[in-house]
Amino acid sequence: MDMLHTETVDKLFRAILSLKTIDECYALFIDLCTVNEIIDMAQRFDAADRLNRGENYAYITEKTGMSTATIARVRKCLLYGEGGYKLALSRLAAANDQKSEQKNSTKSVNTDDNNKNVRNSKGDGE
């Protein structure tokens, strides 16, 4: 992998890390890759997520249309690779958990506000 660790590749990765929104990612990746390359990467990441959640090859193939050879390669990377899939999946899960917590706390605040409004409209309020 030493062939991969170059200033040019580092520059690309720094550019990707500088993006702030999904729309910015779409803009760069559409310019950088073919549609099929983007789809292939997205499918491999989806397969990693599904394998990580315990889904089997047959089910993943049925749901995604991916070949078992591709799924096997993704599994090999999950088990013996650099840890990139697991790192990205865990961070994505943590971000999703954080968003869920924020939504729940917002719902709680909104519910409290609605309850106050109902009490106030009945003359029982604060």
N, C-alpha and C. Protein backbone atom coordinates (compact mmCIF):
# COMPACT_ATOMS: atom_id res chain seq x y z
N MET A 1 0.80 -1.20 0.00
CA MET A 1 0.00 0.00 0.00
C MET A 1 0.85 1.27 0.00
N ASP A 2 2.15 1.15 0.07
CA ASP A 2 3.00 2.33 0.05
C ASP A 2 2.85 3.11 -1.24
N MET A 3 2.48 2.42 -2.33
CA MET A 3 2.24 3.12 -3.59
C MET A 3 1.07 4.08 -3.46
N LEU A 4 0.16 3.78 -2.58
CA LEU A 4 -1.04 4.60 -2.39
C LEU A 4 -0.75 5.86 -1.58
N HIS A 5 0.17 5.77 -0.64
CA HIS A 5 0.48 6.90 0.24
C HIS A 5 1.38 7.90 -0.48
N THR A 6 0.74 8.78 -1.24
CA THR A 6 1.48 9.80 -1.97
C THR A 6 0.89 11.17 -1.64
N GLU A 7 1.60 12.21 -1.97
CA GLU A 7 1.11 13.57 -1.75
C GLU A 7 -0.16 13.81 -2.56
N THR A 8 -0.23 13.23 -3.75
CA THR A 8 -1.42 13.41 -4.60
C THR A 8 -2.65 12.79 -3.95
N VAL A 9 -2.50 11.59 -3.41
CA VAL A 9 -3.63 10.94 -2.74
C VAL A 9 -3.97 11.69 -1.45
N ASP A 10 -2.96 12.13 -0.71
CA ASP A 10 -3.21 12.92 0.49
C ASP A 10 -4.00 14.18 0.16
N LYS A 11 -3.65 14.84 -0.95
CA LYS A 11 -4.36 16.05 -1.36
C LYS A 11 -5.83 15.75 -1.64
N LEU A 12 -6.09 14.63 -2.33
CA LEU A 12 -7.46 14.22 -2.61
C LEU A 12 -8.22 14.00 -1.30
N PHE A 13 -7.63 13.27 -0.38
CA PHE A 13 -8.30 12.98 0.89
C PHE A 13 -8.53 14.26 1.70
N ARG A 14 -7.57 15.18 1.67
CA ARG A 14 -7.77 16.47 2.36
C ARG A 14 -8.93 17.23 1.73
N ALA A 15 -9.04 17.17 0.41
CA ALA A 15 -10.15 17.84 -0.27
C ALA A 15 -11.48 17.23 0.16
N ILE A 16 -11.54 15.90 0.23
CA ILE A 16 -12.77 15.23 0.66
C ILE A 16 -13.11 15.62 2.10
N LEU A 17 -12.10 15.63 2.97
CA LEU A 17 -12.33 16.01 4.37
C LEU A 17 -12.79 17.46 4.51
N SER A 18 -12.49 18.31 3.54
CA SER A 18 -12.89 19.72 3.62
C SER A 18 -14.35 19.94 3.26
N LEU A 19 -15.00 18.95 2.66
CA LEU A 19 -16.40 19.10 2.26
C LEU A 19 -17.30 19.12 3.49
N LYS A 20 -18.35 19.93 3.43
CA LYS A 20 -19.19 20.12 4.62
C LYS A 20 -20.60 19.58 4.48
N THR A 21 -21.06 19.36 3.25
CA THR A 21 -22.44 18.89 3.07
C THR A 21 -22.47 17.73 2.08
N ILE A 22 -23.58 17.01 2.10
CA ILE A 22 -23.76 15.93 1.13
C ILE A 22 -23.78 16.49 -0.29
N ASP A 23 -24.40 17.67 -0.47
CA ASP A 23 -24.43 18.28 -1.80
C ASP A 23 -23.02 18.58 -2.30
N GLU A 24 -22.13 19.03 -1.40
CA GLU A 24 -20.74 19.26 -1.79
C GLU A 24 -20.07 17.95 -2.18
N CYS A 25 -20.38 16.88 -1.46
CA CYS A 25 -19.83 15.56 -1.81
C CYS A 25 -20.31 15.12 -3.18
N TYR A 26 -21.61 15.28 -3.44
CA TYR A 26 -22.13 14.94 -4.76
C TYR A 26 -21.38 15.71 -5.84
N ALA A 27 -21.19 17.00 -5.64
CA ALA A 27 -20.53 17.83 -6.65
C ALA A 27 -19.13 17.31 -6.95
N LEU A 28 -18.35 17.04 -5.91
CA LEU A 28 -16.98 16.57 -6.13
C LEU A 28 -16.96 15.18 -6.75
N PHE A 29 -17.74 14.26 -6.19
CA PHE A 29 -17.68 12.88 -6.66
C PHE A 29 -18.24 12.73 -8.08
N ILE A 30 -19.24 13.53 -8.44
CA ILE A 30 -19.74 13.48 -9.81
C ILE A 30 -18.68 13.98 -10.78
N ASP A 31 -17.91 15.00 -10.36
CA ASP A 31 -16.82 15.48 -11.20
C ASP A 31 -15.66 14.49 -11.24
N LEU A 32 -15.43 13.81 -10.14
CA LEU A 32 -14.25 12.97 -9.97
C LEU A 32 -14.41 11.56 -10.50
N CYS A 33 -15.60 10.99 -10.35
CA CYS A 33 -15.84 9.58 -10.65
C CYS A 33 -16.93 9.43 -11.70
N THR A 34 -16.98 8.25 -12.29
CA THR A 34 -18.13 7.93 -13.13
C THR A 34 -19.30 7.57 -12.21
N VAL A 35 -20.49 7.63 -12.75
CA VAL A 35 -21.67 7.26 -11.97
C VAL A 35 -21.54 5.83 -11.46
N ASN A 36 -21.06 4.93 -12.33
CA ASN A 36 -20.90 3.53 -11.92
C ASN A 36 -19.89 3.37 -10.79
N GLU A 37 -18.82 4.16 -10.80
CA GLU A 37 -17.83 4.09 -9.71
C GLU A 37 -18.45 4.52 -8.39
N ILE A 38 -19.25 5.57 -8.42
CA ILE A 38 -19.92 6.04 -7.20
C ILE A 38 -20.89 4.98 -6.70
N ILE A 39 -21.68 4.42 -7.61
CA ILE A 39 -22.64 3.38 -7.24
C ILE A 39 -21.92 2.17 -6.66
N ASP A 40 -20.81 1.76 -7.30
CA ASP A 40 -20.04 0.61 -6.81
C ASP A 40 -19.53 0.85 -5.39
N MET A 41 -18.98 2.05 -5.15
CA MET A 41 -18.48 2.36 -3.80
C MET A 41 -19.63 2.36 -2.79
N ALA A 42 -20.75 2.96 -3.17
CA ALA A 42 -21.90 3.01 -2.27
C ALA A 42 -22.42 1.61 -1.96
N GLN A 43 -22.45 0.74 -2.98
CA GLN A 43 -22.91 -0.63 -2.75
C GLN A 43 -21.96 -1.40 -1.85
N ARG A 44 -20.66 -1.21 -2.02
CA ARG A 44 -19.70 -1.90 -1.14
C ARG A 44 -19.87 -1.42 0.31
N PHE A 45 -20.07 -0.12 0.47
CA PHE A 45 -20.28 0.40 1.83
C PHE A 45 -21.57 -0.14 2.42
N ASP A 46 -22.62 -0.23 1.61
CA ASP A 46 -23.89 -0.80 2.06
C ASP A 46 -23.69 -2.27 2.45
N ALA A 47 -22.93 -3.01 1.65
CA ALA A 47 -22.66 -4.41 1.98
C ALA A 47 -21.91 -4.52 3.30
N ALA A 48 -20.95 -3.63 3.53
CA ALA A 48 -20.21 -3.64 4.80
C ALA A 48 -21.16 -3.39 5.96
N ASP A 49 -22.07 -2.45 5.80
CA ASP A 49 -23.05 -2.16 6.84
C ASP A 49 -23.94 -3.37 7.10
N ARG A 50 -24.41 -4.00 6.03
CA ARG A 50 -25.29 -5.17 6.17
C ARG A 50 -24.55 -6.34 6.82
N LEU A 51 -23.31 -6.59 6.40
CA LEU A 51 -22.51 -7.66 7.00
C LEU A 51 -22.26 -7.36 8.48
N ASN A 52 -21.96 -6.12 8.77
CA ASN A 52 -21.70 -5.70 10.14
C ASN A 52 -22.93 -5.91 11.04
N ARG A 53 -24.12 -5.81 10.44
CA ARG A 53 -25.37 -6.04 11.18
C ARG A 53 -25.76 -7.51 11.21
N GLY A 54 -24.95 -8.38 10.56
CA GLY A 54 -25.19 -9.81 10.64
C GLY A 54 -25.99 -10.41 9.49
N GLU A 55 -26.26 -9.63 8.45
CA GLU A 55 -26.99 -10.19 7.31
C GLU A 55 -26.09 -11.15 6.55
N ASN A 56 -26.68 -12.20 5.95
CA ASN A 56 -25.88 -13.18 5.23
C ASN A 56 -25.77 -12.84 3.74
N TYR A 57 -24.83 -13.50 3.08
CA TYR A 57 -24.54 -13.23 1.67
C TYR A 57 -25.79 -13.32 0.80
N ALA A 58 -26.56 -14.40 0.97
CA ALA A 58 -27.72 -14.63 0.11
C ALA A 58 -28.72 -13.48 0.25
N TYR A 59 -28.96 -13.06 1.46
CA TYR A 59 -29.91 -11.97 1.70
C TYR A 59 -29.40 -10.66 1.08
N ILE A 60 -28.11 -10.38 1.26
CA ILE A 60 -27.52 -9.16 0.71
C ILE A 60 -27.59 -9.19 -0.81
N THR A 61 -27.26 -10.34 -1.41
CA THR A 61 -27.34 -10.48 -2.86
C THR A 61 -28.76 -10.25 -3.34
N GLU A 62 -29.72 -10.84 -2.65
CA GLU A 62 -31.13 -10.70 -3.03
C GLU A 62 -31.58 -9.24 -2.95
N LYS A 63 -31.19 -8.54 -1.90
CA LYS A 63 -31.65 -7.17 -1.68
C LYS A 63 -30.90 -6.15 -2.54
N THR A 64 -29.63 -6.42 -2.86
CA THR A 64 -28.82 -5.41 -3.54
C THR A 64 -28.45 -5.76 -4.97
N GLY A 65 -28.50 -7.04 -5.30
CA GLY A 65 -28.05 -7.47 -6.62
C GLY A 65 -26.54 -7.61 -6.74
N MET A 66 -25.83 -7.42 -5.64
CA MET A 66 -24.37 -7.55 -5.65
C MET A 66 -23.97 -9.01 -5.78
N SER A 67 -22.82 -9.23 -6.39
CA SER A 67 -22.31 -10.60 -6.51
C SER A 67 -21.77 -11.06 -5.16
N THR A 68 -21.79 -12.37 -4.96
CA THR A 68 -21.23 -12.91 -3.72
C THR A 68 -19.72 -12.68 -3.66
N ALA A 69 -19.06 -12.59 -4.82
CA ALA A 69 -17.62 -12.32 -4.84
C ALA A 69 -17.33 -10.92 -4.28
N THR A 70 -18.14 -9.94 -4.65
CA THR A 70 -17.95 -8.59 -4.13
C THR A 70 -18.24 -8.56 -2.64
N ILE A 71 -19.30 -9.23 -2.23
CA ILE A 71 -19.65 -9.28 -0.81
C ILE A 71 -18.53 -9.95 -0.02
N ALA A 72 -17.95 -11.01 -0.58
CA ALA A 72 -16.86 -11.72 0.09
C ALA A 72 -15.64 -10.81 0.24
N ARG A 73 -15.36 -10.00 -0.78
CA ARG A 73 -14.22 -9.08 -0.69
C ARG A 73 -14.47 -8.04 0.40
N VAL A 74 -15.68 -7.54 0.47
CA VAL A 74 -16.03 -6.57 1.52
C VAL A 74 -15.88 -7.22 2.90
N ARG A 75 -16.36 -8.45 3.02
CA ARG A 75 -16.25 -9.17 4.30
C ARG A 75 -14.79 -9.34 4.70
N LYS A 76 -13.96 -9.68 3.72
CA LYS A 76 -12.53 -9.85 3.99
C LYS A 76 -11.94 -8.54 4.52
N CYS A 77 -12.33 -7.43 3.91
CA CYS A 77 -11.86 -6.13 4.39
C CYS A 77 -12.37 -5.83 5.79
N LEU A 78 -13.62 -6.19 6.06
CA LEU A 78 -14.17 -5.98 7.40
C LEU A 78 -13.39 -6.76 8.44
N LEU A 79 -13.01 -7.99 8.10
CA LEU A 79 -12.32 -8.86 9.06
C LEU A 79 -10.83 -8.59 9.15
N TYR A 80 -10.18 -8.34 8.00
CA TYR A 80 -8.72 -8.30 7.98
C TYR A 80 -8.14 -7.03 7.39
N GLY A 81 -8.98 -6.07 7.05
CA GLY A 81 -8.51 -4.86 6.38
C GLY A 81 -7.93 -3.84 7.36
N GLU A 82 -7.89 -2.61 6.92
CA GLU A 82 -7.31 -1.52 7.69
C GLU A 82 -8.25 -0.98 8.77
N GLY A 83 -9.49 -1.44 8.78
CA GLY A 83 -10.45 -0.97 9.77
C GLY A 83 -11.27 0.23 9.32
N GLY A 84 -11.13 0.59 8.06
CA GLY A 84 -11.84 1.77 7.54
C GLY A 84 -13.34 1.63 7.53
N TYR A 85 -13.83 0.46 7.09
CA TYR A 85 -15.28 0.25 7.10
C TYR A 85 -15.83 0.37 8.51
N LYS A 86 -15.20 -0.34 9.45
CA LYS A 86 -15.70 -0.34 10.83
C LYS A 86 -15.65 1.06 11.44
N LEU A 87 -14.59 1.78 11.17
CA LEU A 87 -14.47 3.14 11.70
C LEU A 87 -15.58 4.03 11.14
N ALA A 88 -15.76 4.00 9.83
CA ALA A 88 -16.79 4.83 9.20
C ALA A 88 -18.19 4.43 9.66
N LEU A 89 -18.44 3.13 9.74
CA LEU A 89 -19.76 2.66 10.18
C LEU A 89 -20.04 3.05 11.63
N SER A 90 -19.04 2.96 12.49
CA SER A 90 -19.27 3.32 13.90
C SER A 90 -19.49 4.82 14.04
N ARG A 91 -18.77 5.62 13.28
CA ARG A 91 -18.97 7.07 13.35
C ARG A 91 -20.32 7.47 12.78
N LEU A 92 -20.73 6.80 11.71
CA LEU A 92 -22.04 7.07 11.13
C LEU A 92 -23.15 6.70 12.11
N ALA A 93 -22.99 5.57 12.78
CA ALA A 93 -23.98 5.14 13.78
C ALA A 93 -24.02 6.13 14.94
N ALA A 94 -22.86 6.59 15.38
CA ALA A 94 -22.81 7.56 16.48
C ALA A 94 -23.49 8.87 16.07
N ALA A 95 -23.25 9.31 14.85
CA ALA A 95 -23.88 10.54 14.36
C ALA A 95 -25.39 10.36 14.27
N ASN A 96 -25.84 9.19 13.81
CA ASN A 96 -27.27 8.92 13.73
C ASN A 96 -27.90 8.87 15.12
N ASP A 97 -27.19 8.27 16.08
CA ASP A 97 -27.68 8.23 17.46
C ASP A 97 -27.82 9.64 18.02
N GLN A 98 -26.83 10.48 17.73
CA GLN A 98 -26.85 11.85 18.22
C GLN A 98 -28.03 12.62 17.61
N LYS A 99 -28.28 12.41 16.30
CA LYS A 99 -29.43 13.07 15.66
C LYS A 99 -30.73 12.59 16.27
N SER A 100 -30.83 11.29 16.56
CA SER A 100 -32.04 10.75 17.17
C SER A 100 -32.27 11.36 18.55
N GLU A 101 -31.20 11.48 19.33
CA GLU A 101 -31.31 12.08 20.65
C GLU A 101 -31.76 13.53 20.55
N GLN A 102 -31.21 14.26 19.56
CA GLN A 102 -31.60 15.66 19.38
C GLN A 102 -33.06 15.77 18.99
N LYS A 103 -33.52 14.88 18.10
CA LYS A 103 -34.92 14.88 17.69
C LYS A 103 -35.82 14.59 18.88
N ASN A 104 -35.43 13.59 19.68
CA ASN A 104 -36.23 13.23 20.85
C ASN A 104 -36.28 14.37 21.87
N SER A 105 -35.16 15.05 22.08
CA SER A 105 -35.17 16.16 23.04
C SER A 105 -35.98 17.33 22.48
N THR A 106 -35.95 17.54 21.18
CA THR A 106 -36.77 18.58 20.56
C THR A 106 -38.24 18.24 20.68
N LYS A 107 -38.59 16.96 20.47
CA LYS A 107 -39.98 16.53 20.62
C LYS A 107 -40.44 16.74 22.05
N SER A 108 -39.58 16.44 22.99
CA SER A 108 -39.92 16.61 24.40
C SER A 108 -40.18 18.08 24.71
N VAL A 109 -39.32 18.95 24.23
CA VAL A 109 -39.49 20.39 24.45
C VAL A 109 -40.77 20.86 23.79
N ASN A 110 -41.01 20.42 22.54
CA ASN A 110 -42.24 20.81 21.84
C ASN A 110 -43.47 20.30 22.56
N THR A 111 -43.42 19.08 23.08
CA THR A 111 -44.55 18.52 23.81
C THR A 111 -44.81 19.32 25.08
N ASP A 112 -43.73 19.67 25.79
CA ASP A 112 -43.88 20.49 26.99
C ASP A 112 -44.50 21.84 26.65
N ASP A 113 -44.03 22.46 25.56
CA ASP A 113 -44.58 23.75 25.13
C ASP A 113 -46.05 23.61 24.76
N ASN A 114 -46.40 22.53 24.05
CA ASN A 114 -47.79 22.31 23.67
C ASN A 114 -48.67 22.10 24.89
N ASN A 115 -48.16 21.36 25.87
CA ASN A 115 -48.93 21.15 27.11
C ASN A 115 -49.17 22.47 27.84
N LYS A 116 -48.14 23.34 27.88
CA LYS A 116 -48.30 24.65 28.50
C LYS A 116 -49.35 25.46 27.76
N ASN A 117 -49.30 25.41 26.42
CA ASN A 117 -50.27 26.16 25.62
C ASN A 117 -51.68 25.67 25.88
N VAL A 118 -51.86 24.36 26.01
CA VAL A 118 -53.18 23.81 26.27
C VAL A 118 -53.66 24.27 27.64
N ARG A 119 -52.77 24.19 28.64
CA ARG A 119 -53.15 24.64 29.98
C ARG A 119 -53.49 26.13 29.98
N ASN A 120 -52.68 26.93 29.27
CA ASN A 120 -52.92 28.37 29.21
C ASN A 120 -54.25 28.69 28.54
N SER A 121 -54.58 27.95 27.49
CA SER A 121 -55.83 28.23 26.78
C SER A 121 -57.04 27.85 27.62
N LYS A 122 -56.85 26.94 28.59
CA LYS A 122 -57.95 26.55 29.48
C LYS A 122 -58.00 27.44 30.72
N GLY A 123 -57.02 28.32 30.85
CA GLY A 123 -56.98 29.19 32.02
C GLY A 123 -56.31 28.56 33.21
N ASP A 124 -55.71 27.36 33.03
CA ASP A 124 -55.05 26.66 34.13
C ASP A 124 -53.55 26.94 34.15
N GLY A 125 -53.07 27.67 33.20
CA GLY A 125 -51.62 27.73 32.95
C GLY A 125 -50.87 28.68 33.82
N GLU A 126 -49.64 28.84 33.42
CA GLU A 126 -48.67 29.63 34.16
C GLU A 126 -48.73 31.08 33.76
